[in-house]
PDB file of N, CA and C in Angstrom:
ATOM      1  N   MET A   1      16.843  -5.023  -4.699  1.00  0.00           N
ATOM      2  CA  MET A   1      16.072  -4.289  -5.534  1.00  0.00           C
ATOM      3  C   MET A   1      16.991  -3.464  -6.549  1.00  0.00           C
ATOM      4  N   ALA A   2      18.080  -3.065  -6.094  1.00  0.00           N
ATOM      5  CA  ALA A   2      18.917  -2.368  -6.971  1.00  0.00           C
ATOM      6  C   ALA A   2      19.515  -3.075  -8.130  1.00  0.00           C
ATOM      7  N   SER A   3      19.460  -4.394  -7.996  1.00  0.00           N
ATOM      8  CA  SER A   3      19.984  -5.250  -9.044  1.00  0.00           C
ATOM      9  C   SER A   3      19.004  -5.301 -10.210  1.00  0.00           C
ATOM     10  N   GLN A   4      17.812  -4.755 -10.131  1.00  0.00           N
ATOM     11  CA  GLN A   4      16.879  -4.899 -11.237  1.00  0.00           C
ATOM     12  C   GLN A   4      17.335  -4.081 -12.418  1.00  0.00           C
ATOM     13  N   PRO A   5      17.216  -4.659 -13.668  1.00  0.00           N
ATOM     14  CA  PRO A   5      17.722  -3.920 -14.857  1.00  0.00           C
ATOM     15  C   PRO A   5      16.991  -2.617 -15.203  1.00  0.00           C
ATOM     16  N   ARG A   6      15.798  -2.442 -14.828  1.00  0.00           N
ATOM     17  CA  ARG A   6      14.936  -1.295 -15.075  1.00  0.00           C
ATOM     18  C   ARG A   6      14.299  -0.798 -13.799  1.00  0.00           C
ATOM     19  N   ILE A   7      14.020   0.506 -13.747  1.00  0.00           N
ATOM     20  CA  ILE A   7      13.377   1.087 -12.590  1.00  0.00           C
ATOM     21  C   ILE A   7      11.947   0.602 -12.540  1.00  0.00           C
ATOM     22  N   ILE A   8      11.293   0.613 -13.641  1.00  0.00           N
ATOM     23  CA  ILE A   8       9.862   0.144 -13.650  1.00  0.00           C
ATOM     24  C   ILE A   8       9.894  -1.255 -14.317  1.00  0.00           C
ATOM     25  N   ALA A   9      10.056  -2.216 -13.507  1.00  0.00           N
ATOM     26  CA  ALA A   9      10.070  -3.568 -14.044  1.00  0.00           C
ATOM     27  C   ALA A   9       8.614  -4.071 -14.241  1.00  0.00           C
ATOM     28  N   GLY A  10       8.348  -4.679 -15.367  1.00  0.00           N
ATOM     29  CA  GLY A  10       7.071  -5.163 -15.700  1.00  0.00           C
ATOM     30  C   GLY A  10       6.123  -4.191 -16.411  1.00  0.00           C
ATOM     31  N   GLY A  11       6.571  -2.924 -16.559  1.00  0.00           N
ATOM     32  CA  GLY A  11       5.840  -1.976 -17.366  1.00  0.00           C
ATOM     33  C   GLY A  11       5.027  -1.016 -16.415  1.00  0.00           C
ATOM     34  N   CYS A  12       4.581   0.066 -17.053  1.00  0.00           N
ATOM     35  CA  CYS A  12       3.935   1.037 -16.264  1.00  0.00           C
ATOM     36  C   CYS A  12       2.524   0.613 -15.771  1.00  0.00           C
ATOM     37  N   ALA A  13       1.892  -0.210 -16.606  1.00  0.00           N
ATOM     38  CA  ALA A  13       0.528  -0.759 -16.190  1.00  0.00           C
ATOM     39  C   ALA A  13       0.602  -1.587 -14.959  1.00  0.00           C
ATOM     40  N   ALA A  14       1.577  -2.480 -14.962  1.00  0.00           N
ATOM     41  CA  ALA A  14       1.753  -3.338 -13.799  1.00  0.00           C
ATOM     42  C   ALA A  14       2.089  -2.563 -12.537  1.00  0.00           C
ATOM     43  N   ALA A  15       2.915  -1.519 -12.673  1.00  0.00           N
ATOM     44  CA  ALA A  15       3.301  -0.649 -11.579  1.00  0.00           C
ATOM     45  C   ALA A  15       2.073   0.115 -11.048  1.00  0.00           C
ATOM     46  N   ALA A  16       1.303   0.640 -11.936  1.00  0.00           N
ATOM     47  CA  ALA A  16      -0.012   1.366 -11.554  1.00  0.00           C
ATOM     48  C   ALA A  16      -0.961   0.433 -10.921  1.00  0.00           C
ATOM     49  N   LEU A  17      -1.114  -0.775 -11.342  1.00  0.00           N
ATOM     50  CA  LEU A  17      -1.949  -1.756 -10.749  1.00  0.00           C
ATOM     51  C   LEU A  17      -1.482  -2.112  -9.374  1.00  0.00           C
ATOM     52  N   ALA A  18      -0.178  -2.289  -9.201  1.00  0.00           N
ATOM     53  CA  ALA A  18       0.304  -2.678  -7.891  1.00  0.00           C
ATOM     54  C   ALA A  18       0.127  -1.529  -6.858  1.00  0.00           C
ATOM     55  N   THR A  19       0.327  -0.305  -7.400  1.00  0.00           N
ATOM     56  CA  THR A  19       0.219   0.896  -6.494  1.00  0.00           C
ATOM     57  C   THR A  19      -1.285   1.065  -6.089  1.00  0.00           C
ATOM     58  N   ALA A  20      -2.140   0.967  -7.058  1.00  0.00           N
ATOM     59  CA  ALA A  20      -3.577   1.160  -6.731  1.00  0.00           C
ATOM     60  C   ALA A  20      -3.959   0.015  -5.792  1.00  0.00           C
ATOM     61  N   ALA A  21      -3.538  -1.124  -6.014  1.00  0.00           N
ATOM     62  CA  ALA A  21      -3.974  -2.252  -5.098  1.00  0.00           C
ATOM     63  C   ALA A  21      -3.497  -1.957  -3.626  1.00  0.00           C
ATOM     64  N   ARG A  22      -2.204  -1.433  -3.606  1.00  0.00           N
ATOM     65  CA  ARG A  22      -1.744  -1.148  -2.283  1.00  0.00           C
ATOM     66  C   ARG A  22      -2.348  -0.040  -1.539  1.00  0.00           C
ATOM     67  N   PHE A  23      -2.640   1.046  -2.206  1.00  0.00           N
ATOM     68  CA  PHE A  23      -3.146   2.230  -1.507  1.00  0.00           C
ATOM     69  C   PHE A  23      -4.670   2.476  -1.603  1.00  0.00           C
ATOM     70  N   ILE A  24      -5.344   1.693  -2.436  1.00  0.00           N
ATOM     71  CA  ILE A  24      -6.864   1.795  -2.489  1.00  0.00           C
ATOM     72  C   ILE A  24      -7.449   0.549  -1.978  1.00  0.00           C
ATOM     73  N   VAL A  25      -7.105  -0.605  -2.509  1.00  0.00           N
ATOM     74  CA  VAL A  25      -7.710  -1.889  -2.034  1.00  0.00           C
ATOM     75  C   VAL A  25      -7.528  -2.257  -0.645  1.00  0.00           C
ATOM     76  N   SER A  26      -6.223  -2.000  -0.237  1.00  0.00           N
ATOM     77  CA  SER A  26      -5.868  -2.443   1.205  1.00  0.00           C
ATOM     78  C   SER A  26      -6.633  -1.578   2.150  1.00  0.00           C
ATOM     79  N   PRO A  27      -6.781  -0.322   2.112  1.00  0.00           N
ATOM     80  CA  PRO A  27      -7.496   0.482   3.052  1.00  0.00           C
ATOM     81  C   PRO A  27      -9.072   0.108   2.993  1.00  0.00           C
ATOM     82  N   ALA A  28      -9.506  -0.251   1.719  1.00  0.00           N
ATOM     83  CA  ALA A  28     -10.911  -0.553   1.610  1.00  0.00           C
ATOM     84  C   ALA A  28     -11.250  -1.933   2.287  1.00  0.00           C
ATOM     85  N   ILE A  29     -10.362  -2.901   2.264  1.00  0.00           N
ATOM     86  CA  ILE A  29     -10.506  -4.166   2.865  1.00  0.00           C
ATOM     87  C   ILE A  29     -10.409  -3.951   4.457  1.00  0.00           C
ATOM     88  N   ALA A  30      -9.500  -3.134   4.838  1.00  0.00           N
ATOM     89  CA  ALA A  30      -9.299  -2.787   6.316  1.00  0.00           C
ATOM     90  C   ALA A  30     -10.593  -2.111   6.816  1.00  0.00           C
ATOM     91  N   THR A  31     -11.172  -1.225   6.020  1.00  0.00           N
ATOM     92  CA  THR A  31     -12.370  -0.593   6.539  1.00  0.00           C
ATOM     93  C   THR A  31     -13.592  -1.510   6.573  1.00  0.00           C
ATOM     94  N   ALA A  32     -13.709  -2.371   5.596  1.00  0.00           N
ATOM     95  CA  ALA A  32     -14.762  -3.346   5.648  1.00  0.00           C
ATOM     96  C   ALA A  32     -14.703  -4.364   6.824  1.00  0.00           C
ATOM     97  N   THR A  33     -13.464  -4.888   7.032  1.00  0.00           N
ATOM     98  CA  THR A  33     -13.387  -5.869   8.098  1.00  0.00           C
ATOM     99  C   THR A  33     -13.491  -5.170   9.426  1.00  0.00           C
ATOM    100  N   SER A  34     -12.882  -3.961   9.606  1.00  0.00           N
ATOM    101  CA  SER A  34     -12.942  -3.253  10.871  1.00  0.00           C
ATOM    102  C   SER A  34     -14.471  -2.882  11.167  1.00  0.00           C
ATOM    103  N   THR A  35     -15.182  -2.548  10.155  1.00  0.00           N
ATOM    104  CA  THR A  35     -16.636  -2.211  10.404  1.00  0.00           C
ATOM    105  C   THR A  35     -17.407  -3.470  10.836  1.00  0.00           C
ATOM    106  N   VAL A  36     -17.052  -4.603  10.216  1.00  0.00           N
ATOM    107  CA  VAL A  36     -17.690  -5.850  10.647  1.00  0.00           C
ATOM    108  C   VAL A  36     -17.464  -6.205  12.056  1.00  0.00           C
ATOM    109  N   VAL A  37     -16.112  -6.003  12.442  1.00  0.00           N
ATOM    110  CA  VAL A  37     -15.721  -6.264  13.825  1.00  0.00           C
ATOM    111  C   VAL A  37     -16.322  -5.314  14.826  1.00  0.00           C
ATOM    112  N   GLY A  38     -16.619  -4.145  14.364  1.00  0.00           N
ATOM    113  CA  GLY A  38     -17.224  -3.191  15.267  1.00  0.00           C
ATOM    114  C   GLY A  38     -16.344  -1.929  15.648  1.00  0.00           C
ATOM    115  N   LEU A  39     -15.231  -1.740  15.011  1.00  0.00           N
ATOM    116  CA  LEU A  39     -14.375  -0.633  15.349  1.00  0.00           C
ATOM    117  C   LEU A  39     -14.991   0.665  14.848  1.00  0.00           C
ATOM    118  N   LYS A  40     -14.906   1.599  15.735  1.00  0.00           N
ATOM    119  CA  LYS A  40     -15.487   2.969  15.414  1.00  0.00           C
ATOM    120  C   LYS A  40     -14.541   4.020  15.936  1.00  0.00           C
ATOM    121  N   GLY A  41     -14.734   5.258  15.384  1.00  0.00           N
ATOM    122  CA  GLY A  41     -13.927   6.420  15.851  1.00  0.00           C
ATOM    123  C   GLY A  41     -12.444   6.332  15.615  1.00  0.00           C
ATOM    124  N   ASN A  42     -11.695   6.648  16.618  1.00  0.00           N
ATOM    125  CA  ASN A  42     -10.164   6.692  16.373  1.00  0.00           C
ATOM    126  C   ASN A  42      -9.616   5.334  16.081  1.00  0.00           C
ATOM    127  N   LEU A  43     -10.118   4.241  16.613  1.00  0.00           N
ATOM    128  CA  LEU A  43      -9.616   2.972  16.291  1.00  0.00           C
ATOM    129  C   LEU A  43      -9.790   2.606  14.787  1.00  0.00           C
ATOM    130  N   LEU A  44     -10.916   3.065  14.231  1.00  0.00           N
ATOM    131  CA  LEU A  44     -11.190   2.794  12.828  1.00  0.00           C
ATOM    132  C   LEU A  44     -10.216   3.628  11.982  1.00  0.00           C
ATOM    133  N   VAL A  45      -9.978   4.850  12.352  1.00  0.00           N
ATOM    134  CA  VAL A  45      -9.048   5.712  11.638  1.00  0.00           C
ATOM    135  C   VAL A  45      -7.680   5.124  11.740  1.00  0.00           C
ATOM    136  N   ILE A  46      -7.256   4.745  12.774  1.00  0.00           N
ATOM    137  CA  ILE A  46      -5.848   4.167  12.961  1.00  0.00           C
ATOM    138  C   ILE A  46      -5.690   2.894  12.096  1.00  0.00           C
ATOM    139  N   THR A  47      -6.704   1.987  12.052  1.00  0.00           N
ATOM    140  CA  THR A  47      -6.665   0.866  11.201  1.00  0.00           C
ATOM    141  C   THR A  47      -6.570   1.201   9.760  1.00  0.00           C
ATOM    142  N   ILE A  48      -7.353   2.133   9.278  1.00  0.00           N
ATOM    143  CA  ILE A  48      -7.326   2.583   7.851  1.00  0.00           C
ATOM    144  C   ILE A  48      -5.968   3.187   7.583  1.00  0.00           C
ATOM    145  N   MET A  49      -5.434   4.002   8.479  1.00  0.00           N
ATOM    146  CA  MET A  49      -4.076   4.617   8.248  1.00  0.00           C
ATOM    147  C   MET A  49      -3.036   3.672   8.159  1.00  0.00           C
ATOM    148  N   GLN A  50      -3.049   2.616   8.996  1.00  0.00           N
ATOM    149  CA  GLN A  50      -2.037   1.583   8.959  1.00  0.00           C
ATOM    150  C   GLN A  50      -2.138   0.772   7.677  1.00  0.00           C
ATOM    151  N   ALA A  51      -3.404   0.559   7.139  1.00  0.00           N
ATOM    152  CA  ALA A  51      -3.494  -0.165   5.900  1.00  0.00           C
ATOM    153  C   ALA A  51      -3.008   0.691   4.705  1.00  0.00           C
ATOM    154  N   ALA A  52      -2.972   1.998   4.836  1.00  0.00           N
ATOM    155  CA  ALA A  52      -2.581   2.904   3.740  1.00  0.00           C
ATOM    156  C   ALA A  52      -1.052   3.128   3.780  1.00  0.00           C
ATOM    157  N   LEU A  53      -0.402   2.632   4.712  1.00  0.00           N
ATOM    158  CA  LEU A  53       1.031   2.862   4.813  1.00  0.00           C
ATOM    159  C   LEU A  53       1.774   1.918   3.797  1.00  0.00           C
ATOM    160  N   PRO A  54       2.985   2.363   3.315  1.00  0.00           N
ATOM    161  CA  PRO A  54       3.606   1.536   2.259  1.00  0.00           C
ATOM    162  C   PRO A  54       4.099   0.173   2.804  1.00  0.00           C
ATOM    163  N   GLN A  55       4.220  -0.760   1.943  1.00  0.00           N
ATOM    164  CA  GLN A  55       4.737  -2.051   2.338  1.00  0.00           C
ATOM    165  C   GLN A  55       6.241  -1.993   2.534  1.00  0.00           C
ATOM    166  N   ALA A  56       6.677  -2.879   3.284  1.00  0.00           N
ATOM    167  CA  ALA A  56       8.155  -2.935   3.603  1.00  0.00           C
ATOM    168  C   ALA A  56       8.915  -3.800   2.649  1.00  0.00           C
ATOM    169  N   ILE A  57      10.153  -3.983   2.892  1.00  0.00           N
ATOM    170  CA  ILE A  57      11.012  -4.719   1.990  1.00  0.00           C
ATOM    171  C   ILE A  57      10.805  -6.259   2.109  1.00  0.00           C
ATOM    172  N   VAL A  58      10.227  -6.737   3.253  1.00  0.00           N
ATOM    173  CA  VAL A  58      10.146  -8.147   3.475  1.00  0.00           C
ATOM    174  C   VAL A  58       9.314  -8.863   2.355  1.00  0.00           C
ATOM    175  N   PRO A  59       8.208  -8.306   1.842  1.00  0.00           N
ATOM    176  CA  PRO A  59       7.515  -8.988   0.697  1.00  0.00           C
ATOM    177  C   PRO A  59       8.454  -9.132  -0.468  1.00  0.00           C
ATOM    178  N   PHE A  60       9.254  -8.136  -0.768  1.00  0.00           N
ATOM    179  CA  PHE A  60      10.221  -8.301  -1.889  1.00  0.00           C
ATOM    180  C   PHE A  60      11.205  -9.479  -1.690  1.00  0.00           C
ATOM    181  N   VAL A  61      11.681  -9.556  -0.417  1.00  0.00           N
ATOM    182  CA  VAL A  61      12.670 -10.692  -0.156  1.00  0.00           C
ATOM    183  C   VAL A  61      11.936 -12.015  -0.400  1.00  0.00           C
ATOM    184  N   PHE A  62      10.714 -12.181  -0.013  1.00  0.00           N
ATOM    185  CA  PHE A  62      10.021 -13.457  -0.276  1.00  0.00           C
ATOM    186  C   PHE A  62       9.801 -13.591  -1.744  1.00  0.00           C
ATOM    187  N   ALA A  63       9.399 -12.572  -2.440  1.00  0.00           N
ATOM    188  CA  ALA A  63       9.122 -12.669  -3.883  1.00  0.00           C
ATOM    189  C   ALA A  63      10.432 -13.083  -4.629  1.00  0.00           C
ATOM    190  N   ARG A  64      11.542 -12.521  -4.171  1.00  0.00           N
ATOM    191  CA  ARG A  64      12.813 -12.782  -4.822  1.00  0.00           C
ATOM    192  C   ARG A  64      13.278 -14.239  -4.499  1.00  0.00           C
ATOM    193  N   GLU A  65      13.035 -14.614  -3.236  1.00  0.00           N
ATOM    194  CA  GLU A  65      13.403 -16.016  -2.821  1.00  0.00           C
ATOM    195  C   GLU A  65      12.639 -17.081  -3.617  1.00  0.00           C
ATOM    196  N   TYR A  66      11.237 -16.854  -3.771  1.00  0.00           N
ATOM    197  CA  TYR A  66      10.453 -17.844  -4.443  1.00  0.00           C
ATOM    198  C   TYR A  66      10.260 -17.557  -5.873  1.00  0.00           C
ATOM    199  N   ASN A  67      10.909 -16.472  -6.448  1.00  0.00           N
ATOM    200  CA  ASN A  67      10.810 -16.067  -7.812  1.00  0.00           C
ATOM    201  C   ASN A  67       9.424 -15.838  -8.302  1.00  0.00           C
ATOM    202  N   VAL A  68       8.671 -15.123  -7.538  1.00  0.00           N
ATOM    203  CA  VAL A  68       7.294 -14.804  -7.916  1.00  0.00           C
ATOM    204  C   VAL A  68       7.147 -13.285  -8.042  1.00  0.00           C
ATOM    205  N   HIS A  69       7.392 -12.857  -9.283  1.00  0.00           N
ATOM    206  CA  HIS A  69       7.261 -11.472  -9.805  1.00  0.00           C
ATOM    207  C   HIS A  69       8.110 -10.474  -8.890  1.00  0.00           C
ATOM    208  N   PRO A  70       9.407 -10.803  -8.702  1.00  0.00           N
ATOM    209  CA  PRO A  70      10.179  -9.785  -7.850  1.00  0.00           C
ATOM    210  C   PRO A  70      10.276  -8.492  -8.448  1.00  0.00           C
ATOM    211  N   GLY A  71      10.347  -8.376  -9.817  1.00  0.00           N
ATOM    212  CA  GLY A  71      10.448  -7.091 -10.477  1.00  0.00           C
ATOM    213  C   GLY A  71       9.304  -6.184 -10.230  1.00  0.00           C
ATOM    214  N   ILE A  72       8.135  -6.735 -10.336  1.00  0.00           N
ATOM    215  CA  ILE A  72       6.939  -5.931 -10.096  1.00  0.00           C
ATOM    216  C   ILE A  72       6.852  -5.497  -8.723  1.00  0.00           C
ATOM    217  N   LEU A  73       7.221  -6.432  -7.745  1.00  0.00           N
ATOM    218  CA  LEU A  73       7.078  -6.027  -6.357  1.00  0.00           C
ATOM    219  C   LEU A  73       8.257  -4.991  -5.989  1.00  0.00           C
ATOM    220  N   SER A  74       9.355  -5.071  -6.671  1.00  0.00           N
ATOM    221  CA  SER A  74      10.437  -4.107  -6.451  1.00  0.00           C
ATOM    222  C   SER A  74       9.961  -2.656  -6.871  1.00  0.00           C
ATOM    223  N   THR A  75       9.247  -2.661  -7.985  1.00  0.00           N
ATOM    224  CA  THR A  75       8.719  -1.395  -8.371  1.00  0.00           C
ATOM    225  C   THR A  75       7.652  -0.857  -7.471  1.00  0.00           C
ATOM    226  N   ALA A  76       6.789  -1.751  -6.995  1.00  0.00           N
ATOM    227  CA  ALA A  76       5.683  -1.393  -6.095  1.00  0.00           C
ATOM    228  C   ALA A  76       6.316  -0.807  -4.756  1.00  0.00           C
ATOM    229  N   VAL A  77       7.351  -1.503  -4.173  1.00  0.00           N
ATOM    230  CA  VAL A  77       7.967  -0.998  -3.017  1.00  0.00           C
ATOM    231  C   VAL A  77       8.576   0.376  -3.216  1.00  0.00           C
ATOM    232  N   SER A  78       9.346   0.537  -4.280  1.00  0.00           N
ATOM    233  CA  SER A  78      10.028   1.739  -4.543  1.00  0.00           C
ATOM    234  C   SER A  78       9.063   2.904  -4.690  1.00  0.00           C
ATOM    235  N   PHE A  79       8.109   2.794  -5.587  1.00  0.00           N
ATOM    236  CA  PHE A  79       7.131   3.875  -5.767  1.00  0.00           C
ATOM    237  C   PHE A  79       6.263   4.005  -4.617  1.00  0.00           C
ATOM    238  N   GLY A  80       5.923   2.975  -3.924  1.00  0.00           N
ATOM    239  CA  GLY A  80       5.077   3.078  -2.780  1.00  0.00           C
ATOM    240  C   GLY A  80       5.722   3.928  -1.673  1.00  0.00           C
ATOM    241  N   MET A  81       7.022   3.794  -1.518  1.00  0.00           N
ATOM    242  CA  MET A  81       7.764   4.684  -0.561  1.00  0.00           C
ATOM    243  C   MET A  81       7.786   6.098  -0.939  1.00  0.00           C
ATOM    244  N   LEU A  82       7.884   6.378  -2.272  1.00  0.00           N
ATOM    245  CA  LEU A  82       7.881   7.768  -2.800  1.00  0.00           C
ATOM    246  C   LEU A  82       6.540   8.432  -2.631  1.00  0.00           C
ATOM    247  N   ILE A  83       5.517   7.763  -2.933  1.00  0.00           N
ATOM    248  CA  ILE A  83       4.158   8.459  -2.938  1.00  0.00           C
ATOM    249  C   ILE A  83       3.444   8.218  -1.657  1.00  0.00           C
ATOM    250  N   SER A  84       3.968   7.490  -0.662  1.00  0.00           N
ATOM    251  CA  SER A  84       3.154   7.305   0.559  1.00  0.00           C
ATOM    252  C   SER A  84       2.907   8.514   1.399  1.00  0.00           C
ATOM    253  N   LEU A  85       3.822   9.473   1.425  1.00  0.00           N
ATOM    254  CA  LEU A  85       3.608  10.604   2.229  1.00  0.00           C
ATOM    255  C   LEU A  85       2.276  11.426   1.781  1.00  0.00           C
ATOM    256  N   PRO A  86       2.207  11.790   0.540  1.00  0.00           N
ATOM    257  CA  PRO A  86       0.966  12.535   0.080  1.00  0.00           C
ATOM    258  C   PRO A  86      -0.314  11.754   0.228  1.00  0.00           C
ATOM    259  N   ILE A  87      -0.145  10.385  -0.019  1.00  0.00           N
ATOM    260  CA  ILE A  87      -1.398   9.564   0.035  1.00  0.00           C
ATOM    261  C   ILE A  87      -1.810   9.400   1.500  1.00  0.00           C
ATOM    262  N   THR A  88      -0.828   9.144   2.410  1.00  0.00           N
ATOM    263  CA  THR A  88      -1.180   9.016   3.739  1.00  0.00           C
ATOM    264  C   THR A  88      -1.778  10.338   4.364  1.00  0.00           C
ATOM    265  N   LEU A  89      -1.200  11.504   4.009  1.00  0.00           N
ATOM    266  CA  LEU A  89      -1.787  12.742   4.423  1.00  0.00           C
ATOM    267  C   LEU A  89      -3.223  12.938   3.878  1.00  0.00           C
ATOM    268  N   GLY A  90      -3.400  12.542   2.693  1.00  0.00           N
ATOM    269  CA  GLY A  90      -4.792  12.634   2.144  1.00  0.00           C
ATOM    270  C   GLY A  90      -5.700  11.836   2.871  1.00  0.00           C
ATOM    271  N   TYR A  91      -5.391  10.554   3.173  1.00  0.00           N
ATOM    272  CA  TYR A  91      -6.292   9.686   3.984  1.00  0.00           C
ATOM    273  C   TYR A  91      -6.582  10.354   5.356  1.00  0.00           C
ATOM    274  N   TYR A  92      -5.482  10.864   5.975  1.00  0.00           N
ATOM    275  CA  TYR A  92      -5.541  11.523   7.317  1.00  0.00           C
ATOM    276  C   TYR A  92      -6.553  12.698   7.274  1.00  0.00           C
ATOM    277  N   ILE A  93      -6.480  13.578   6.295  1.00  0.00           N
ATOM    278  CA  ILE A  93      -7.332  14.642   6.182  1.00  0.00           C
ATOM    279  C   ILE A  93      -8.738  14.306   5.851  1.00  0.00           C
ATOM    280  N   VAL A  94      -8.913  13.357   4.925  1.00  0.00           N
ATOM    281  CA  VAL A  94     -10.262  12.947   4.571  1.00  0.00           C
ATOM    282  C   VAL A  94     -10.980  12.259   5.765  1.00  0.00           C
ATOM    283  N   LEU A  95     -10.242  11.305   6.452  1.00  0.00           N
ATOM    284  CA  LEU A  95     -10.776  10.629   7.589  1.00  0.00           C
ATOM    285  C   LEU A  95     -11.064  11.608   8.792  1.00  0.00           C
ATOM    286  N   GLY A  96     -10.275  12.615   8.902  1.00  0.00           N
ATOM    287  CA  GLY A  96     -10.489  13.542   9.931  1.00  0.00           C
ATOM    288  C   GLY A  96     -11.727  14.357   9.752  1.00  0.00           C
ATOM    289  N   LEU A  97     -12.137  14.567   8.416  1.00  0.00           N
ATOM    290  CA  LEU A  97     -13.332  15.285   8.157  1.00  0.00           C
ATOM    291  C   LEU A  97     -14.565  14.394   8.334  1.00  0.00           C
ATOM    292  N   ILE A  98     -14.405  13.115   7.924  1.00  0.00           N
ATOM    293  CA  ILE A  98     -15.552  12.188   7.953  1.00  0.00           C
ATOM    294  C   ILE A  98     -15.844  11.640   9.358  1.00  0.00           C
ATOM    295  N   ILE A  99     -14.734  11.052   9.959  1.00  0.00           N
ATOM    296  CA  ILE A  99     -14.973  10.409  11.224  1.00  0.00           C
ATOM    297  C   ILE A  99     -14.488  11.342  12.375  1.00  0.00           C
ATOM    298  N   LYS A 100     -15.353  11.621  13.334  1.00  0.00           N
ATOM    299  CA  LYS A 100     -14.931  12.466  14.413  1.00  0.00           C
ATOM    300  C   LYS A 100     -15.262  11.766  15.717  1.00  0.00           C
TER     301      LYS A 100
END
């Protein structure tokens, strides 16, 4: 990832879209599928929290290997790690208020 020529590869719009997809769409899909399966209470909260955690480096390795937008994924991984703490805390506080 350090070999990328720019910190925000692919532009700010692509970085914002990748970040939104990771931290908004992923927990929404986890919530929907967990509700269909029948998870409730703490198990539902744990599932949503895990979906809100940042992605690891492995997806970037695969993107680089197969040359499928490695720059955009590099940016998503880097910024995802930076903003994951406030977002995860926000999910934890909101879910603590909603689900008991």
